[in-house]
Amino acid sequence: MEQEQIWDADTARRYDTPGTGMFAPEVLEPTVERLAELAGGGPALEFAVGTGRVAVPLAARGVPVTGIELSRPMIDRLREKADDTAIPVVVGDMATARAPGTYTLVYLVYNTISNLLTQAEQVECFRNAARHLAPGGRFVVELWVPELRRLPPGTPATVWHAEDGYIGLDTYDVLRQHVVSHHFRFDEEGRQARLDRSPHRYIWPAELDLMARLAGFERESRHADWSGAEFTAESRSHVSVYRIP
């Protein structure tokens, strides 16, 4: 599956869920608050800006935001909320595309670095972030922790979420560090389901730190969420902040 096939017009149309899921205030507000703090009054660049879930409220906080985005349908949805003077967007791959200017903050949220399916591309993403940052600038990555401890030997899949109307299931290729997320959404009668799939390359926290060092970053902090909860062996995700010396 190519990324252009995944983030098509139909996905862009269904992506926003105002007030619920990843658009819920308890999810979005701590994210925006922390990013505004890390920007330190300077401009920010969002890799894979999408429909502007984070960029729009962050810009409303007074942080100048530019985006890089591969999917034109996602950009079209963003343009329904903010024009190109409010949030400029460069069309391209977050591992290689260049945005004009220099930034105090580059950020990459909601596991999106894992959409790059090779280690080499993920390393280039860090290097691309470094190219955009002023000295002392920060790169923030929000990412899930691979849940291989939940995967019994010989079993290639695990159900990571189940509720009325929805089942989330991941299938693993541990040799290549690949996982395909399967999202089953059922109709009101529960008789039919729509399946959406997305491929990822999962990254261990220590591997992410090494990618950062190769690009010239030092890790500044790591927390379990945007509110600053302690990161532990039981944490299912993390927010890692890297800084150019």
Foldseek 3Di string as FASTA:
>chain_A
DDPQVQCDLVCLVVVDDDCDDCNNCVNQVLVLVLVLVQQVQKAEEEEQCFLPSNPLVNLVVVHQYEYEHQYPSRVVNNCVPPNCVSYNYDHDHLLDDDDDAAGQEYEYEDAVLQLPQAPVSSLSNLLRNLVRYDAFGKYKYKHFADPCVQAPPPRQKDWPDDDVQWTWMWGDDVVSQKIKIWIWGADPVRPDTDIRIGMGRHDHPVRNQVSNVVNQKHWDDKDLGSVRHHDDPPRGIIMTMITHD
